[in-house]
Protein backbone atom coordinates (compact mmCIF):
# COMPACT_ATOMS: atom_id res chain seq x y z
CA MET A 1 0.00 0.00 0.00
CA ALA A 2 1.58 3.20 -1.08
CA SER A 3 1.57 6.06 1.38
CA SER A 4 1.76 9.63 0.33
CA SER A 5 4.52 11.63 1.95
CA ILE A 6 4.93 15.38 2.22
CA PRO A 7 8.42 16.79 2.06
CA ILE A 8 9.65 18.38 5.27
CA ASP A 9 10.34 21.67 3.51
CA ASP A 10 6.67 21.98 2.59
CA PHE A 11 5.64 22.20 6.27
CA ALA A 12 7.05 25.71 6.44
CA THR A 13 4.69 26.88 3.75
CA LEU A 14 1.59 25.33 5.29
CA SER A 15 -0.81 27.76 7.00
CA PRO A 16 -3.53 26.95 9.55
CA PRO A 17 -7.04 26.81 8.23
CA SER A 18 -8.69 30.20 8.34
CA LEU A 19 -11.51 30.65 10.83
CA PRO A 20 -14.54 32.70 10.01
CA SER A 21 -14.18 36.15 11.58
CA ILE A 22 -16.84 37.17 14.03
CA GLU A 23 -17.78 40.76 13.56
CA VAL A 24 -19.50 42.51 16.43
CA ASP A 25 -22.14 44.92 15.37
CA THR A 26 -21.33 48.16 17.18
CA SER A 27 -24.15 50.08 15.61
CA THR A 28 -26.85 48.49 17.75
CA CYS A 29 -27.18 48.20 21.49
CA GLN A 30 -25.47 45.04 22.79
CA VAL A 31 -27.89 44.83 25.72
CA CYS A 32 -31.34 45.07 24.15
CA HIS A 33 -30.17 44.42 20.56
CA GLN A 34 -32.85 46.74 19.24
CA ALA A 35 -31.99 50.43 19.32
CA ALA A 36 -28.89 52.07 17.95
CA SER A 37 -25.98 52.31 20.39
CA LYS A 38 -25.10 55.68 21.91
CA TYR A 39 -22.74 54.87 24.76
CA LYS A 40 -19.69 52.69 25.32
CA CYS A 41 -18.69 51.30 28.70
CA PRO A 42 -15.24 52.67 29.65
CA ARG A 43 -14.33 49.41 31.35
CA CYS A 44 -15.48 46.66 28.98
CA ASN A 45 -16.42 48.60 25.80
CA VAL A 46 -19.98 47.25 25.73
CA ARG A 47 -22.31 49.35 23.59
CA SER A 48 -25.60 50.55 25.05
CA CYS A 49 -28.42 52.81 23.98
CA SER A 50 -29.92 54.22 27.17
CA VAL A 51 -29.52 54.58 30.90
CA VAL A 52 -31.74 51.54 31.40
CA CYS A 53 -29.44 49.39 29.28
CA VAL A 54 -26.37 50.81 31.03
CA LYS A 55 -27.75 49.80 34.42
CA GLN A 56 -28.81 46.42 33.05
CA HIS A 57 -25.31 45.82 31.70
CA LYS A 58 -23.72 46.69 35.05
CA ALA A 59 -26.09 44.36 36.87
CA ASP A 60 -25.66 41.44 34.46
CA GLN A 61 -21.87 41.56 34.21
CA SER A 62 -21.08 43.09 37.63
CA CYS A 63 -19.33 45.92 35.86
CA SER A 64 -18.41 49.08 37.75
CA GLY A 65 -18.41 51.20 34.62
CA GLU A 66 -15.09 52.81 35.57
CA ARG A 67 -12.09 52.71 33.32
CA SER A 68 -9.44 50.31 34.50
CA LYS A 69 -6.31 52.24 35.45
CA THR A 70 -4.15 49.18 36.01
CA HIS A 71 -4.91 47.01 32.99
CA TYR A 72 -2.04 45.83 30.85
CA VAL A 73 -1.18 47.92 27.82
CA PRO A 74 1.32 46.53 25.28
CA MET A 75 4.27 48.77 24.51
CA LYS A 76 3.11 49.01 20.91
CA GLU A 77 -0.10 50.65 22.07
CA TYR A 78 1.42 52.69 24.92
CA ASN A 79 1.09 56.39 24.19
CA GLU A 80 1.13 59.76 25.92
CA SER A 81 -2.46 59.35 27.07
CA ASN A 82 -1.57 56.12 28.88
CA MET A 83 1.45 57.77 30.46
CA MET A 84 -0.64 60.64 31.83
CA SER A 85 -3.18 58.14 33.13
CA ASP A 86 -0.46 56.30 35.03
CA TYR A 87 0.94 59.55 36.42
CA VAL A 88 -2.46 60.73 37.66
CA TYR A 89 -3.09 57.30 39.18
CA LEU A 90 0.17 57.38 41.16
CA GLU A 91 -0.52 60.93 42.34
CA ASP A 92 -3.98 59.89 43.49
CA VAL A 93 -2.56 56.94 45.45
CA SER A 94 -0.04 59.23 47.16
CA ARG A 95 -2.73 61.78 48.02
CA GLN A 96 -5.05 59.15 49.47
CA SER A 97 -2.23 57.71 51.55
CA ASP A 98 -1.44 61.12 53.00
CA THR A 99 -5.13 61.79 53.67
CA LEU A 100 -5.54 58.54 55.57
CA THR A 101 -2.44 59.32 57.62
CA ARG A 102 -3.83 62.73 58.60
CA HIS A 103 -7.20 61.33 59.64
CA ARG A 104 -6.02 58.68 62.03
CA ILE A 105 -7.76 58.46 65.34
CA LYS A 106 -6.49 61.24 67.58
CA ASP A 107 -4.80 60.54 70.91
CA ASN A 108 -4.74 56.80 70.25
CA LYS A 109 -1.47 55.58 71.73
CA THR A 110 -1.80 52.11 70.25
CA THR A 111 -1.99 53.18 66.61
CA SER A 112 1.51 54.62 66.29
CA PRO A 113 4.03 55.44 69.04
CA ALA A 114 5.68 57.98 66.74
CA ASP A 115 2.41 59.85 66.25
CA TYR A 116 1.79 59.86 69.98
CA LYS A 117 5.24 61.39 70.62
CA LEU A 118 4.55 64.12 68.10
CA LYS A 119 1.22 64.89 69.73
CA MET A 120 2.95 65.16 73.11
CA VAL A 121 5.49 67.61 71.66
CA VAL A 122 2.78 69.80 70.16
CA LYS A 123 0.60 69.66 73.26
CA ASN A 124 3.34 70.54 75.74
CA ALA A 125 5.05 73.15 73.55
CA ARG A 126 1.78 75.02 73.14
CA GLY A 127 0.98 74.52 76.80
CA MET A 128 4.25 76.29 77.67
CA GLY A 129 3.35 79.30 75.55
CA VAL A 130 5.18 78.45 72.31
CA LEU A 131 3.19 78.97 69.10
CA TYR A 132 4.25 75.59 67.76
CA ASP A 133 3.34 74.18 64.34
CA MET A 134 4.40 71.13 62.36
CA LEU A 135 4.83 70.55 58.64
CA PRO A 136 3.17 67.72 56.67
CA ALA A 137 4.79 64.30 56.76
CA GLY A 138 7.55 63.89 54.19
CA MET A 139 8.89 67.45 54.32
CA SER A 140 12.66 67.67 54.81
CA LYS A 141 12.36 69.87 57.89
CA ARG A 142 9.90 67.40 59.40
CA LYS A 143 12.35 64.54 58.83
CA ALA A 144 15.22 66.46 60.45
CA ASN A 145 13.23 67.31 63.57
CA ARG A 146 14.01 65.19 66.66
CA THR A 147 12.30 67.36 69.24
CA ASN A 148 10.78 65.18 71.94
CA TYR A 149 9.04 65.48 75.28
CA SER A 150 10.27 63.57 78.32
CA THR A 151 7.36 62.54 80.51
CA LYS A 152 9.79 61.52 83.24
CA LYS A 153 11.58 64.88 83.39
CA ARG A 154 8.52 66.82 82.22
CA GLN A 155 10.41 68.99 79.79
CA LEU A 156 11.03 69.39 76.09
CA PHE A 157 14.31 68.53 74.42
CA TRP A 158 14.62 70.66 71.32
CA THR A 159 16.23 70.22 67.96
CA MET A 160 17.79 73.59 67.17
CA GLU A 161 19.29 74.99 64.01
CA PHE A 162 22.15 77.47 64.42
CA LEU A 163 23.35 79.57 61.49
CA PHE A 164 26.67 81.32 62.11
CA CYS A 165 26.78 84.17 59.58
CA MET A 166 30.10 85.65 58.54
CA ASP A 167 30.04 88.05 55.59
CA ASP A 168 28.24 86.12 52.83
CA ALA A 169 28.94 82.66 54.25
CA GLN A 170 26.86 80.64 56.69
CA GLU A 171 27.85 77.66 58.80
CA ARG A 172 24.85 75.51 59.68
CA VAL A 173 24.89 73.47 62.88
CA MET A 174 22.06 71.15 63.92
CA GLU A 175 21.99 70.48 67.65
CA HIS A 176 19.61 67.86 69.04
CA SER A 177 18.33 67.21 72.56
CA CYS A 178 18.77 70.77 73.83
CA PRO A 179 17.04 70.85 77.26
CA GLY A 180 14.34 73.46 77.51
CA ASN A 181 15.40 74.40 81.05
CA LYS A 182 18.97 75.30 80.00
CA THR A 183 19.94 78.86 79.23
CA LEU A 184 20.74 79.91 75.70
CA GLN A 185 24.27 80.81 76.73
CA SER A 186 24.86 77.36 78.24
CA VAL A 187 23.83 75.76 74.95
CA PHE A 188 26.47 77.81 73.11
CA GLU A 189 29.07 77.04 75.77
CA ASN A 190 28.40 73.32 75.50
CA MET A 191 28.66 73.47 71.72
CA LEU A 192 31.75 75.67 71.41
CA LEU A 193 33.65 75.81 74.70
CA SER A 194 33.00 72.80 76.91
CA GLU A 195 35.76 70.20 77.23
CA LYS A 196 33.20 67.42 77.63
CA PRO A 197 30.17 68.50 75.62
CA PHE A 198 27.00 66.44 75.74
CA GLY A 199 25.57 65.45 72.40
CA GLN A 200 26.51 63.42 69.36
CA ASN A 201 27.92 66.13 67.08
CA SER A 202 31.53 66.33 65.97
CA TYR A 203 32.25 69.39 68.08
CA ALA A 204 35.90 69.65 67.07
CA THR A 205 34.84 70.09 63.45
CA ILE A 206 32.13 72.56 64.41
CA ARG A 207 34.52 74.68 66.45
CA HIS A 208 36.96 74.81 63.56
CA GLN A 209 34.24 75.88 61.13
CA VAL A 210 33.04 78.71 63.41
CA ARG A 211 36.44 79.60 64.86
CA HIS A 212 35.82 83.31 64.21
CA PHE A 213 33.01 83.14 66.77
CA VAL A 214 34.93 80.97 69.22
CA ASP A 215 37.84 83.42 69.32
CA VAL A 216 35.69 86.34 70.47
CA ASP A 217 33.61 86.87 73.57
CA MET A 218 29.90 86.14 73.40
CA LYS A 219 29.26 89.77 74.32
CA ASP A 220 30.38 90.63 70.79
CA TRP A 221 27.70 88.38 69.29
CA VAL A 222 24.28 89.29 67.99
CA VAL A 223 21.87 86.41 68.50
CA ALA A 224 18.42 86.43 66.93
CA LEU A 225 15.54 84.02 66.37
CA LYS A 226 14.09 83.63 62.90
CA LYS A 227 10.66 85.24 62.80
CA GLU A 228 8.36 82.73 61.15
CA GLY A 229 5.83 84.33 58.85
CA GLY A 230 7.52 87.73 59.08
CA LYS A 231 9.25 89.86 56.51
CA ARG A 232 12.59 88.87 55.09
CA ASN A 233 15.62 89.81 57.20
CA THR A 234 13.38 90.35 60.23
CA PHE A 235 14.42 88.58 63.42
CA ILE A 236 13.62 88.50 67.13
CA ASN A 237 16.56 89.86 69.11
CA LEU A 238 17.70 87.31 71.73
CA THR A 239 20.97 89.01 72.63
CA PRO A 240 19.55 90.49 75.88
CA HIS A 241 18.07 87.07 76.75
CA MET A 242 21.20 84.92 76.71
CA ASP A 243 20.72 84.14 80.40
CA ASP A 244 17.10 83.07 79.89
CA THR A 245 16.09 79.46 79.39
CA LEU A 246 15.23 78.18 75.95
CA MET A 247 11.57 77.95 76.92
CA ASP A 248 11.58 81.59 78.04
CA CYS A 249 13.25 82.60 74.78
CA LEU A 250 10.68 80.73 72.72
CA LYS A 251 7.64 81.66 74.77
CA GLY A 252 5.23 83.77 72.75
CA GLU A 253 7.12 83.14 69.50
CA ARG A 254 6.06 81.05 66.53
CA VAL A 255 8.14 77.94 65.87
CA ILE A 256 7.73 75.62 62.89
CA GLU A 257 9.18 72.17 63.67
CA TYR A 258 12.29 73.57 65.42
CA PRO A 259 13.72 77.04 66.17
CA THR A 260 16.29 78.57 63.85
CA VAL A 261 18.81 80.89 65.54
CA TYR A 262 21.10 83.27 63.64
CA ILE A 263 24.41 84.50 65.05
CA TRP A 264 26.43 87.45 63.76
CA LEU A 265 29.49 89.32 64.95
CA LYS A 266 28.65 92.91 65.80
CA ASP A 267 31.38 94.22 63.52
CA HIS A 268 30.28 92.07 60.56
CA MET A 269 26.51 92.37 60.77
CA ASP A 270 24.58 93.18 57.60
CA CYS A 271 22.92 96.59 57.79
CA SER A 272 19.75 95.18 56.18
CA ILE A 273 19.04 92.99 59.21
CA GLN A 274 16.07 94.23 61.25
CA LEU A 275 15.90 93.15 64.87
CA GLU A 276 12.67 93.28 66.84
CA ASP A 277 12.57 93.24 70.61
CA LYS A 278 11.12 90.12 72.13
CA TYR A 279 7.64 90.72 73.52
CA THR A 280 7.45 90.36 77.29
CA GLU A 281 4.29 90.83 79.30
CA GLN A 282 4.40 93.95 81.46
CA PRO A 283 2.10 94.61 84.44
CA GLN A 284 -0.67 97.07 83.69
CA ASP A 285 -0.08 100.66 84.73
CA SER A 286 -2.56 101.33 87.52
CA ASN A 287 -2.26 105.11 87.00
CA LYS A 288 -3.30 104.74 83.38
CA LYS A 289 -6.18 102.50 84.30
CA GLY A 290 -7.38 104.88 87.01
CA SER A 291 -7.19 107.79 84.59
CA ASN A 292 -9.42 105.98 82.10
CA ASP A 293 -11.94 105.15 84.81
CA SER A 294 -12.11 108.76 86.01
CA GLU A 295 -12.51 110.11 82.47
CA ASP A 296 -15.46 107.78 81.96
CA SER A 297 -17.10 109.12 85.12
CA GLY A 298 -16.65 112.70 83.84
CA SER A 299 -15.72 114.20 87.20
CA THR A 300 -13.26 113.73 90.06
CA SER A 301 -14.81 113.71 93.49
CA SER A 302 -13.08 115.31 96.45
CA GLY A 303 -15.79 114.43 98.95
CA SER A 304 -13.49 112.32 101.13
CA ASP A 305 -10.26 114.27 101.60
CA SER A 306 -8.74 112.26 104.39
CA SER A 307 -9.54 108.93 102.74
CA ASP A 308 -8.01 109.99 99.41
CA ASP A 309 -4.87 111.32 101.09
CA SER A 310 -4.34 108.10 102.98
CA ASP A 311 -4.96 106.05 99.83
CA SER A 312 -2.39 108.05 97.87
CA SER A 313 0.25 107.64 100.58
CA ASP A 314 -0.38 103.91 100.91
CA ALA A 315 -0.32 103.38 97.13
CA ASP A 316 3.42 104.00 97.03
CA SER A 317 4.09 100.83 99.01
CA MET A 318 1.31 98.64 97.66
CA SER A 319 1.61 96.16 94.81
CA ASP A 320 0.11 96.74 91.37
CA ASP A 321 -2.81 94.46 92.16
CA ASP A 322 -3.70 96.45 95.30
CA ASP A 323 -3.54 99.70 93.32
CA ASP A 324 -6.01 98.33 90.80
CA ASP A 325 -8.45 97.31 93.55
CA ASN A 326 -8.28 100.72 95.26
CA GLU A 327 -8.82 102.59 92.02
CA LEU A 328 -11.85 100.48 91.15
CA LEU A 329 -13.34 101.30 94.57
CA ASP A 330 -12.65 105.01 94.03
CA SER A 331 -14.32 104.86 90.63
CA ASP A 332 -17.43 103.20 92.09
CA LYS A 333 -17.56 105.84 94.82
CA GLN A 334 -17.36 108.61 92.24
CA HIS A 335 -20.26 107.13 90.27
CA SER A 336 -22.43 106.92 93.36
CA GLU A 337 -21.69 110.54 94.29
CA LEU A 338 -22.58 111.68 90.80
CA GLN A 339 -25.92 109.91 91.04
CA ASP A 340 -26.65 111.62 94.38
CA GLY A 341 -25.92 115.03 92.87
CA ASN A 342 -22.94 115.65 95.19
CA ALA A 343 -20.26 115.97 92.53
CA LEU A 344 -17.88 118.83 93.31
CA GLU A 345 -15.67 120.97 91.13
CA HIS A 346 -12.36 119.72 89.80
CA ASP A 347 -9.14 120.44 91.62
CA ASP A 348 -7.05 122.70 89.39
CA ASN A 349 -3.83 121.37 90.84
CA GLN A 350 -4.51 117.77 89.69
CA LYS A 351 -2.50 117.92 86.48
CA VAL A 352 0.76 116.30 85.47
CA ASP A 353 2.52 117.50 82.31
CA GLY A 354 -0.57 119.38 81.21
CA GLU A 355 -2.91 116.37 81.56
CA GLN A 356 -5.38 115.66 84.38
CA CYS A 357 -4.08 113.02 86.79
CA ASP A 358 -7.11 110.99 87.85
CA SER A 359 -5.52 107.66 88.82
CA THR A 360 -4.65 108.39 92.47
CA THR A 361 -6.66 111.47 93.51
CA THR A 362 -4.58 114.13 95.29
CA VAL A 363 -6.63 116.90 96.87
CA GLY A 364 -5.05 120.35 97.00
CA GLU A 365 -4.74 122.23 100.20
């Protein structure tokens, strides 16, 4: 029986049998198969004609109707539109991650010890009078900040940035774990003068870099705190507060992450630098307060000469709080006398520097 044989070389020219192509009619709705199609599903490209068919398609095929942002795209078909889609997708993931981090449960110690430490720093810094703020997670200044609060010692240990300015050059020194109860001068002495400084910096290198400041007395320095949110070249003058603690120096000032302190030599200080005096609370002037109260009453009563004379003599030795109480009593007495119609004429001698002195009433002879 003869068998037909096909040469091996002919196999290369053989082609698979052609299959009939299935053409999908995109002109009609693929859900109801009746009306003309108007819409195309972004996810699975199914054609539909109405909202009813769109909803039916989603229900039948469990389709979300949203374009897939992570589906595979061959390199041949990859274009600028796909690249922008990937970029927007990655940005959206990063934004959602940051949003979830910000909205964690507050004051929950078990969620993240690091977050709890940050909350303790913010809480205690603000409780001590510092206008303290933090930057979003991921910022370089946030990463460099190691400020922490010791619950055992009940004090803050600050990260501080020192910028030693000499002509147009600046030497930056980052000092960590600066105790809040130490004076500003002691921090400089530990960093530049102490034989056994505490800390982990390479102090020998630092002292060489800022040798121009080490060689002169600290009295020839100008020390200032960067004013956050203020105008450029505007600083808070800390030179008169070198003997104050760090917390006293920072009290009432705005600090973002950690304080930044600038140091100049008096002879090499830029004339464009503007120094503002640090705000310190002063006791209220009782004389000024008494004057305002008397002006509101419209008249100064001299109905009780002996009582006023004794009050004025005792006021010299009394504290500011006692002065305020006495003046309030005098003001009430004056109001009552005005209501009774017993107000008397003003004393012409009650004037100081051309203005009426109504705070502590002095009756002329």
